[in-house]
Amino acid sequence: MSLVEAARYSTRVEGDLARHRLEAENIPAMIFDTGLNNVFGGAGLAWVRLMVDESDLAVARDILSSPPDAVAVEDD
C-alpha cells in the first residue's frame, strides 16, 4: 500500500468531510497533519492532507471534484 496525497484542506473539518465522502464510496482514506494545522490555527499555514492508496487516486479526485449530492429536507 502506497499512500499519496489526493487533496489539501485548510482545516481538519474540511479534511474530515472529504474523507467521509470517499469512505462512503468505499475508498479508504486518512488525513495527515491535523495536529500541525491546530498549532497554527488553520488558515492555510499548515495544510491538512487527505491521503489515499495510489491505486484509488484517480477515482478519489473525481469524487472530490464533483459537487456533493444534495439531501432533500422535508418540512413536517
PDB file of N, CA and C in Angstrom:
ATOM      1  N   MET A   1       0.851  -1.177   0.000  1.00  0.00           N
ATOM      2  CA  MET A   1       0.000   0.000   0.000  1.00  0.00           C
ATOM      3  C   MET A   1       0.891   1.234   0.000  1.00  0.00           C
ATOM      4  N   SER A   2       0.679   2.081  -0.981  1.00  0.00           N
ATOM      5  CA  SER A   2       1.453   3.309  -1.098  1.00  0.00           C
ATOM      6  C   SER A   2       0.497   4.501  -1.041  1.00  0.00           C
ATOM      7  N   LEU A   3       0.586   5.294   0.021  1.00  0.00           N
ATOM      8  CA  LEU A   3      -0.311   6.430   0.171  1.00  0.00           C
ATOM      9  C   LEU A   3       0.190   7.628  -0.619  1.00  0.00           C
ATOM     10  N   VAL A   4      -0.757   8.321  -1.242  1.00  0.00           N
ATOM     11  CA  VAL A   4      -0.463   9.542  -1.981  1.00  0.00           C
ATOM     12  C   VAL A   4      -1.477  10.607  -1.586  1.00  0.00           C
ATOM     13  N   GLU A   5      -1.114  11.851  -1.799  1.00  0.00           N
ATOM     14  CA  GLU A   5      -1.991  12.968  -1.449  1.00  0.00           C
ATOM     15  C   GLU A   5      -3.058  13.161  -2.521  1.00  0.00           C
ATOM     16  N   ALA A   6      -4.316  13.090  -2.095  1.00  0.00           N
ATOM     17  CA  ALA A   6      -5.433  13.308  -3.014  1.00  0.00           C
ATOM     18  C   ALA A   6      -5.864  14.766  -3.020  1.00  0.00           C
ATOM     19  N   ALA A   7      -5.735  15.440  -1.858  1.00  0.00           N
ATOM     20  CA  ALA A   7      -6.165  16.840  -1.758  1.00  0.00           C
ATOM     21  C   ALA A   7      -5.582  17.451  -0.490  1.00  0.00           C
ATOM     22  N   ARG A   8      -5.642  18.788  -0.424  1.00  0.00           N
ATOM     23  CA  ARG A   8      -5.219  19.539   0.760  1.00  0.00           C
ATOM     24  C   ARG A   8      -6.360  20.435   1.207  1.00  0.00           C
ATOM     25  N   TYR A   9      -6.454  20.616   2.522  1.00  0.00           N
ATOM     26  CA  TYR A   9      -7.513  21.454   3.085  1.00  0.00           C
ATOM     27  C   TYR A   9      -6.922  22.356   4.158  1.00  0.00           C
ATOM     28  N   SER A  10      -7.556  23.484   4.359  1.00  0.00           N
ATOM     29  CA  SER A  10      -7.037  24.433   5.335  1.00  0.00           C
ATOM     30  C   SER A  10      -7.477  24.126   6.758  1.00  0.00           C
ATOM     31  N   THR A  11      -8.480  23.265   6.933  1.00  0.00           N
ATOM     32  CA  THR A  11      -8.921  22.898   8.281  1.00  0.00           C
ATOM     33  C   THR A  11      -9.151  21.394   8.376  1.00  0.00           C
ATOM     34  N   ARG A  12      -9.132  20.913   9.610  1.00  0.00           N
ATOM     35  CA  ARG A  12      -9.395  19.490   9.847  1.00  0.00           C
ATOM     36  C   ARG A  12     -10.835  19.140   9.476  1.00  0.00           C
ATOM     37  N   VAL A  13     -11.769  20.042   9.719  1.00  0.00           N
ATOM     38  CA  VAL A  13     -13.174  19.780   9.405  1.00  0.00           C
ATOM     39  C   VAL A  13     -13.343  19.521   7.914  1.00  0.00           C
ATOM     40  N   GLU A  14     -12.742  20.351   7.078  1.00  0.00           N
ATOM     41  CA  GLU A  14     -12.825  20.144   5.628  1.00  0.00           C
ATOM     42  C   GLU A  14     -12.209  18.800   5.229  1.00  0.00           C
ATOM     43  N   GLY A  15     -11.074  18.480   5.827  1.00  0.00           N
ATOM     44  CA  GLY A  15     -10.423  17.210   5.536  1.00  0.00           C
ATOM     45  C   GLY A  15     -11.274  16.026   5.946  1.00  0.00           C
ATOM     46  N   ASP A  16     -11.890  16.112   7.128  1.00  0.00           N
ATOM     47  CA  ASP A  16     -12.758  15.027   7.587  1.00  0.00           C
ATOM     48  C   ASP A  16     -13.985  14.860   6.704  1.00  0.00           C
ATOM     49  N   LEU A  17     -14.572  15.964   6.272  1.00  0.00           N
ATOM     50  CA  LEU A  17     -15.740  15.867   5.383  1.00  0.00           C
ATOM     51  C   LEU A  17     -15.368  15.180   4.070  1.00  0.00           C
ATOM     52  N   ALA A  18     -14.226  15.543   3.523  1.00  0.00           N
ATOM     53  CA  ALA A  18     -13.776  14.906   2.280  1.00  0.00           C
ATOM     54  C   ALA A  18     -13.471  13.433   2.510  1.00  0.00           C
ATOM     55  N   ARG A  19     -12.852  13.104   3.642  1.00  0.00           N
ATOM     56  CA  ARG A  19     -12.553  11.708   3.964  1.00  0.00           C
ATOM     57  C   ARG A  19     -13.836  10.893   4.060  1.00  0.00           C
ATOM     58  N   HIS A  20     -14.845  11.454   4.700  1.00  0.00           N
ATOM     59  CA  HIS A  20     -16.130  10.744   4.816  1.00  0.00           C
ATOM     60  C   HIS A  20     -16.780  10.544   3.444  1.00  0.00           C
ATOM     61  N   ARG A  21     -16.656  11.531   2.567  1.00  0.00           N
ATOM     62  CA  ARG A  21     -17.194  11.362   1.205  1.00  0.00           C
ATOM     63  C   ARG A  21     -16.550  10.183   0.499  1.00  0.00           C
ATOM     64  N   LEU A  22     -15.233  10.082   0.616  1.00  0.00           N
ATOM     65  CA  LEU A  22     -14.533   8.974  -0.042  1.00  0.00           C
ATOM     66  C   LEU A  22     -14.894   7.644   0.593  1.00  0.00           C
ATOM     67  N   GLU A  23     -14.938   7.611   1.910  1.00  0.00           N
ATOM     68  CA  GLU A  23     -15.262   6.349   2.580  1.00  0.00           C
ATOM     69  C   GLU A  23     -16.687   5.898   2.282  1.00  0.00           C
ATOM     70  N   ALA A  24     -17.596   6.835   2.029  1.00  0.00           N
ATOM     71  CA  ALA A  24     -18.962   6.474   1.632  1.00  0.00           C
ATOM     72  C   ALA A  24     -18.972   5.798   0.262  1.00  0.00           C
ATOM     73  N   GLU A  25     -17.920   6.040  -0.521  1.00  0.00           N
ATOM     74  CA  GLU A  25     -17.777   5.409  -1.836  1.00  0.00           C
ATOM     75  C   GLU A  25     -16.813   4.219  -1.781  1.00  0.00           C
ATOM     76  N   ASN A  26     -16.551   3.724  -0.569  1.00  0.00           N
ATOM     77  CA  ASN A  26     -15.675   2.571  -0.346  1.00  0.00           C
ATOM     78  C   ASN A  26     -14.223   2.805  -0.753  1.00  0.00           C
ATOM     79  N   ILE A  27     -13.766   4.043  -0.587  1.00  0.00           N
ATOM     80  CA  ILE A  27     -12.360   4.364  -0.816  1.00  0.00           C
ATOM     81  C   ILE A  27     -11.747   4.709   0.542  1.00  0.00           C
ATOM     82  N   PRO A  28     -10.893   3.836   1.072  1.00  0.00           N
ATOM     83  CA  PRO A  28     -10.256   4.135   2.352  1.00  0.00           C
ATOM     84  C   PRO A  28      -9.402   5.400   2.235  1.00  0.00           C
ATOM     85  N   ALA A  29      -9.481   6.241   3.246  1.00  0.00           N
ATOM     86  CA  ALA A  29      -8.726   7.491   3.233  1.00  0.00           C
ATOM     87  C   ALA A  29      -8.360   7.872   4.657  1.00  0.00           C
ATOM     88  N   MET A  30      -7.318   8.677   4.786  1.00  0.00           N
ATOM     89  CA  MET A  30      -6.939   9.194   6.096  1.00  0.00           C
ATOM     90  C   MET A  30      -6.398  10.611   5.927  1.00  0.00           C
ATOM     91  N   ILE A  31      -6.472  11.351   7.003  1.00  0.00           N
ATOM     92  CA  ILE A  31      -5.955  12.713   6.941  1.00  0.00           C
ATOM     93  C   ILE A  31      -4.682  12.799   7.772  1.00  0.00           C
ATOM     94  N   PHE A  32      -3.725  13.559   7.261  1.00  0.00           N
ATOM     95  CA  PHE A  32      -2.438  13.766   7.915  1.00  0.00           C
ATOM     96  C   PHE A  32      -2.290  15.236   8.288  1.00  0.00           C
ATOM     97  N   ASP A  33      -1.435  15.492   9.245  1.00  0.00           N
ATOM     98  CA  ASP A  33      -1.012  16.833   9.647  1.00  0.00           C
ATOM     99  C   ASP A  33      -2.093  17.642  10.353  1.00  0.00           C
ATOM    100  N   THR A  34      -3.046  16.971  10.991  1.00  0.00           N
ATOM    101  CA  THR A  34      -4.087  17.718  11.702  1.00  0.00           C
ATOM    102  C   THR A  34      -3.523  18.410  12.933  1.00  0.00           C
ATOM    103  N   GLY A  35      -2.598  17.778  13.625  1.00  0.00           N
ATOM    104  CA  GLY A  35      -2.001  18.388  14.809  1.00  0.00           C
ATOM    105  C   GLY A  35      -1.214  19.636  14.470  1.00  0.00           C
ATOM    106  N   LEU A  36      -0.453  19.582  13.412  1.00  0.00           N
ATOM    107  CA  LEU A  36       0.324  20.737  12.976  1.00  0.00           C
ATOM    108  C   LEU A  36      -0.601  21.865  12.562  1.00  0.00           C
ATOM    109  N   ASN A  37      -1.707  21.512  11.913  1.00  0.00           N
ATOM    110  CA  ASN A  37      -2.683  22.511  11.498  1.00  0.00           C
ATOM    111  C   ASN A  37      -3.281  23.206  12.717  1.00  0.00           C
ATOM    112  N   ASN A  38      -3.532  22.459  13.792  1.00  0.00           N
ATOM    113  CA  ASN A  38      -4.097  23.046  15.003  1.00  0.00           C
ATOM    114  C   ASN A  38      -3.133  24.019  15.667  1.00  0.00           C
ATOM    115  N   VAL A  39      -1.831  23.723  15.597  1.00  0.00           N
ATOM    116  CA  VAL A  39      -0.837  24.613  16.196  1.00  0.00           C
ATOM    117  C   VAL A  39      -0.906  25.985  15.554  1.00  0.00           C
ATOM    118  N   PHE A  40      -1.083  26.006  14.244  1.00  0.00           N
ATOM    119  CA  PHE A  40      -1.133  27.271  13.521  1.00  0.00           C
ATOM    120  C   PHE A  40      -2.549  27.819  13.380  1.00  0.00           C
ATOM    121  N   GLY A  41      -3.525  27.134  13.939  1.00  0.00           N
ATOM    122  CA  GLY A  41      -4.902  27.617  13.902  1.00  0.00           C
ATOM    123  C   GLY A  41      -5.563  27.553  12.543  1.00  0.00           C
ATOM    124  N   GLY A  42      -5.099  26.661  11.689  1.00  0.00           N
ATOM    125  CA  GLY A  42      -5.680  26.559  10.346  1.00  0.00           C
ATOM    126  C   GLY A  42      -5.196  27.699   9.476  1.00  0.00           C
ATOM    127  N   ALA A  43      -6.090  28.320   8.766  1.00  0.00           N
ATOM    128  CA  ALA A  43      -5.796  29.485   7.917  1.00  0.00           C
ATOM    129  C   ALA A  43      -4.763  29.197   6.832  1.00  0.00           C
ATOM    130  N   GLY A  44      -4.563  27.931   6.484  1.00  0.00           N
ATOM    131  CA  GLY A  44      -3.686  27.607   5.370  1.00  0.00           C
ATOM    132  C   GLY A  44      -2.203  27.648   5.675  1.00  0.00           C
ATOM    133  N   LEU A  45      -1.816  27.898   6.923  1.00  0.00           N
ATOM    134  CA  LEU A  45      -0.392  27.924   7.255  1.00  0.00           C
ATOM    135  C   LEU A  45       0.202  26.522   7.284  1.00  0.00           C
ATOM    136  N   ALA A  46      -0.605  25.566   7.650  1.00  0.00           N
ATOM    137  CA  ALA A  46      -0.199  24.160   7.625  1.00  0.00           C
ATOM    138  C   ALA A  46      -1.393  23.375   7.095  1.00  0.00           C
ATOM    139  N   TRP A  47      -1.235  22.783   5.958  1.00  0.00           N
ATOM    140  CA  TRP A  47      -2.336  22.091   5.296  1.00  0.00           C
ATOM    141  C   TRP A  47      -2.639  20.747   5.938  1.00  0.00           C
ATOM    142  N   VAL A  48      -3.913  20.383   5.927  1.00  0.00           N
ATOM    143  CA  VAL A  48      -4.355  19.031   6.284  1.00  0.00           C
ATOM    144  C   VAL A  48      -4.382  18.257   4.974  1.00  0.00           C
ATOM    145  N   ARG A  49      -3.665  17.140   4.939  1.00  0.00           N
ATOM    146  CA  ARG A  49      -3.551  16.375   3.692  1.00  0.00           C
ATOM    147  C   ARG A  49      -4.454  15.151   3.746  1.00  0.00           C
ATOM    148  N   LEU A  50      -5.243  14.963   2.700  1.00  0.00           N
ATOM    149  CA  LEU A  50      -6.105  13.797   2.548  1.00  0.00           C
ATOM    150  C   LEU A  50      -5.341  12.771   1.716  1.00  0.00           C
ATOM    151  N   MET A  51      -5.121  11.599   2.310  1.00  0.00           N
ATOM    152  CA  MET A  51      -4.292  10.580   1.682  1.00  0.00           C
ATOM    153  C   MET A  51      -5.124   9.356   1.308  1.00  0.00           C
ATOM    154  N   VAL A  52      -4.817   8.786   0.138  1.00  0.00           N
ATOM    155  CA  VAL A  52      -5.474   7.564  -0.337  1.00  0.00           C
ATOM    156  C   VAL A  52      -4.417   6.641  -0.911  1.00  0.00           C
ATOM    157  N   ASP A  53      -4.787   5.396  -1.115  1.00  0.00           N
ATOM    158  CA  ASP A  53      -3.892   4.465  -1.791  1.00  0.00           C
ATOM    159  C   ASP A  53      -3.699   4.936  -3.229  1.00  0.00           C
ATOM    160  N   GLU A  54      -2.496   4.768  -3.713  1.00  0.00           N
ATOM    161  CA  GLU A  54      -2.168   5.223  -5.064  1.00  0.00           C
ATOM    162  C   GLU A  54      -3.129   4.660  -6.115  1.00  0.00           C
ATOM    163  N   SER A  55      -3.577   3.426  -5.939  1.00  0.00           N
ATOM    164  CA  SER A  55      -4.481   2.802  -6.910  1.00  0.00           C
ATOM    165  C   SER A  55      -5.875   3.452  -6.907  1.00  0.00           C
ATOM    166  N   ASP A  56      -6.227   4.179  -5.850  1.00  0.00           N
ATOM    167  CA  ASP A  56      -7.535   4.843  -5.748  1.00  0.00           C
ATOM    168  C   ASP A  56      -7.484   6.332  -6.099  1.00  0.00           C
ATOM    169  N   LEU A  57      -6.303   6.848  -6.420  1.00  0.00           N
ATOM    170  CA  LEU A  57      -6.126   8.287  -6.578  1.00  0.00           C
ATOM    171  C   LEU A  57      -7.038   8.911  -7.637  1.00  0.00           C
ATOM    172  N   ALA A  58      -7.095   8.356  -8.816  1.00  0.00           N
ATOM    173  CA  ALA A  58      -7.889   8.947  -9.902  1.00  0.00           C
ATOM    174  C   ALA A  58      -9.374   8.988  -9.540  1.00  0.00           C
ATOM    175  N   VAL A  59      -9.894   7.908  -8.999  1.00  0.00           N
ATOM    176  CA  VAL A  59     -11.308   7.867  -8.622  1.00  0.00           C
ATOM    177  C   VAL A  59     -11.575   8.838  -7.473  1.00  0.00           C
ATOM    178  N   ALA A  60     -10.673   8.881  -6.504  1.00  0.00           N
ATOM    179  CA  ALA A  60     -10.843   9.791  -5.368  1.00  0.00           C
ATOM    180  C   ALA A  60     -10.895  11.239  -5.830  1.00  0.00           C
ATOM    181  N   ARG A  61     -10.009  11.616  -6.720  1.00  0.00           N
ATOM    182  CA  ARG A  61     -10.007  13.004  -7.222  1.00  0.00           C
ATOM    183  C   ARG A  61     -11.270  13.306  -8.022  1.00  0.00           C
ATOM    184  N   ASP A  62     -11.779  12.339  -8.765  1.00  0.00           N
ATOM    185  CA  ASP A  62     -13.042  12.538  -9.481  1.00  0.00           C
ATOM    186  C   ASP A  62     -14.182  12.790  -8.504  1.00  0.00           C
ATOM    187  N   ILE A  63     -14.244  11.997  -7.446  1.00  0.00           N
ATOM    188  CA  ILE A  63     -15.301  12.164  -6.441  1.00  0.00           C
ATOM    189  C   ILE A  63     -15.194  13.528  -5.778  1.00  0.00           C
ATOM    190  N   LEU A  64     -13.980  13.900  -5.394  1.00  0.00           N
ATOM    191  CA  LEU A  64     -13.793  15.171  -4.689  1.00  0.00           C
ATOM    192  C   LEU A  64     -14.027  16.385  -5.577  1.00  0.00           C
ATOM    193  N   SER A  65     -13.841  16.237  -6.876  1.00  0.00           N
ATOM    194  CA  SER A  65     -14.037  17.374  -7.784  1.00  0.00           C
ATOM    195  C   SER A  65     -15.502  17.582  -8.163  1.00  0.00           C
ATOM    196  N   SER A  66     -16.338  16.583  -7.917  1.00  0.00           N
ATOM    197  CA  SER A  66     -17.760  16.726  -8.222  1.00  0.00           C
ATOM    198  C   SER A  66     -18.493  17.284  -7.008  1.00  0.00           C
ATOM    199  N   PRO A  67     -19.576  18.029  -7.239  1.00  0.00           N
ATOM    200  CA  PRO A  67     -20.316  18.563  -6.095  1.00  0.00           C
ATOM    201  C   PRO A  67     -20.964  17.434  -5.299  1.00  0.00           C
ATOM    202  N   PRO A  68     -21.012  17.586  -3.972  1.00  0.00           N
ATOM    203  CA  PRO A  68     -21.667  16.555  -3.167  1.00  0.00           C
ATOM    204  C   PRO A  68     -23.151  16.467  -3.499  1.00  0.00           C
ATOM    205  N   ASP A  69     -23.721  15.287  -3.316  1.00  0.00           N
ATOM    206  CA  ASP A  69     -25.151  15.116  -3.555  1.00  0.00           C
ATOM    207  C   ASP A  69     -25.942  15.953  -2.567  1.00  0.00           C
ATOM    208  N   ALA A  70     -26.962  16.600  -3.066  1.00  0.00           N
ATOM    209  CA  ALA A  70     -27.845  17.371  -2.195  1.00  0.00           C
ATOM    210  C   ALA A  70     -28.792  16.427  -1.466  1.00  0.00           C
ATOM    211  N   VAL A  71     -29.109  16.760  -0.272  1.00  0.00           N
ATOM    212  CA  VAL A  71     -30.041  15.966   0.531  1.00  0.00           C
ATOM    213  C   VAL A  71     -31.318  16.784   0.705  1.00  0.00           C
ATOM    214  N   ALA A  72     -32.421  16.221   0.274  1.00  0.00           N
ATOM    215  CA  ALA A  72     -33.697  16.923   0.400  1.00  0.00           C
ATOM    216  C   ALA A  72     -34.185  16.842   1.848  1.00  0.00           C
ATOM    217  N   VAL A  73     -34.648  17.953   2.343  1.00  0.00           N
ATOM    218  CA  VAL A  73     -35.197  18.005   3.687  1.00  0.00           C
ATOM    219  C   VAL A  73     -36.689  18.305   3.566  1.00  0.00           C
ATOM    220  N   GLU A  74     -37.490  17.426   4.127  1.00  0.00           N
ATOM    221  CA  GLU A  74     -38.925  17.608   4.039  1.00  0.00           C
ATOM    222  C   GLU A  74     -39.443  18.382   5.258  1.00  0.00           C
ATOM    223  N   ASP A  75     -40.367  19.291   4.996  1.00  0.00           N
ATOM    224  CA  ASP A  75     -40.993  20.018   6.092  1.00  0.00           C
ATOM    225  C   ASP A  75     -42.050  19.137   6.745  1.00  0.00           C
ATOM    226  N   ASP A  76     -42.108  19.172   8.059  1.00  0.00           N
ATOM    227  CA  ASP A  76     -43.113  18.391   8.766  1.00  0.00           C
ATOM    228  C   ASP A  76     -44.377  19.183   8.973  1.00  0.00           C
TER     229      ASP A  76
END
